[in-house]
Amino acid sequence: MEIKVLGTGCPKCKTLEKVTREAVAETGLNATVTKVEDITEIMNAGVMMTPALIIDGKIV
């Protein structure tokens, strides 16, 4: 499973990343969590507001 946390570094973005990493660790998921801060990559994903979460290519 591939999880991307999209955010520019705001407090909510940092919280989402932290909670996501904790959830993956606690549940034992076989997942890779990546933080995406590049605004161009965020916009190319179709995200207009951050934070956002993408799991296996789908915005959730």
Protein backbone atom coordinates (compact mmCIF):
# COMPACT_ATOMS: atom_id res chain seq x y z
CA MET A 1 0.00 0.00 0.00
CA GLU A 2 1.25 3.47 -0.85
CA ILE A 3 0.09 6.41 1.25
CA LYS A 4 0.95 10.01 0.42
CA VAL A 5 0.36 12.89 2.79
CA LEU A 6 0.09 16.09 0.79
CA GLY A 7 0.78 19.34 2.58
CA THR A 8 2.93 22.42 2.58
CA GLY A 9 4.07 22.17 6.19
CA CYS A 10 1.17 23.80 8.04
CA PRO A 11 0.28 22.47 11.51
CA LYS A 12 -2.68 20.46 10.15
CA CYS A 13 -0.44 18.90 7.50
CA LYS A 14 2.12 17.87 10.12
CA THR A 15 -0.63 16.43 12.32
CA LEU A 16 -2.06 14.39 9.44
CA GLU A 17 1.38 12.97 8.67
CA LYS A 18 1.98 12.07 12.33
CA VAL A 19 -1.42 10.42 12.78
CA THR A 20 -1.06 8.53 9.49
CA ARG A 21 2.35 7.15 10.45
CA GLU A 22 1.04 6.16 13.90
CA ALA A 23 -1.98 4.39 12.39
CA VAL A 24 0.21 2.44 9.97
CA ALA A 25 2.55 1.41 12.79
CA GLU A 26 -0.24 0.47 15.22
CA THR A 27 -2.15 -1.62 12.70
CA GLY A 28 0.92 -3.28 11.24
CA LEU A 29 -0.03 -2.36 7.68
CA ASN A 30 2.49 -3.07 4.97
CA ALA A 31 2.46 0.51 3.73
CA THR A 32 4.86 3.21 2.65
CA VAL A 33 4.04 6.70 3.91
CA THR A 34 5.47 9.58 1.90
CA LYS A 35 5.20 13.32 2.63
CA VAL A 36 4.66 15.45 -0.48
CA GLU A 37 5.39 19.16 -0.03
CA ASP A 38 6.00 20.16 -3.65
CA ILE A 39 3.12 22.45 -4.62
CA THR A 40 3.33 21.45 -8.30
CA GLU A 41 3.03 17.76 -7.43
CA ILE A 42 0.14 18.53 -5.08
CA MET A 43 -1.71 20.46 -7.79
CA ASN A 44 -1.00 17.75 -10.38
CA ALA A 45 -2.72 15.29 -8.04
CA GLY A 46 -5.86 17.42 -8.31
CA VAL A 47 -5.65 18.73 -4.75
CA MET A 48 -6.55 22.39 -4.23
CA MET A 49 -6.48 22.46 -0.41
CA THR A 50 -4.14 20.77 2.02
CA PRO A 51 -3.71 18.61 3.92
CA ALA A 52 -4.84 15.73 1.76
CA LEU A 53 -4.31 12.00 1.85
CA ILE A 54 -3.83 9.74 -1.16
CA ILE A 55 -4.01 5.98 -0.70
CA ASP A 56 -2.99 3.82 -3.64
CA GLY A 57 -3.54 6.71 -6.04
CA LYS A 58 -6.99 7.74 -4.74
CA ILE A 59 -7.69 10.93 -2.81
CA VAL A 60 -9.50 10.06 0.42
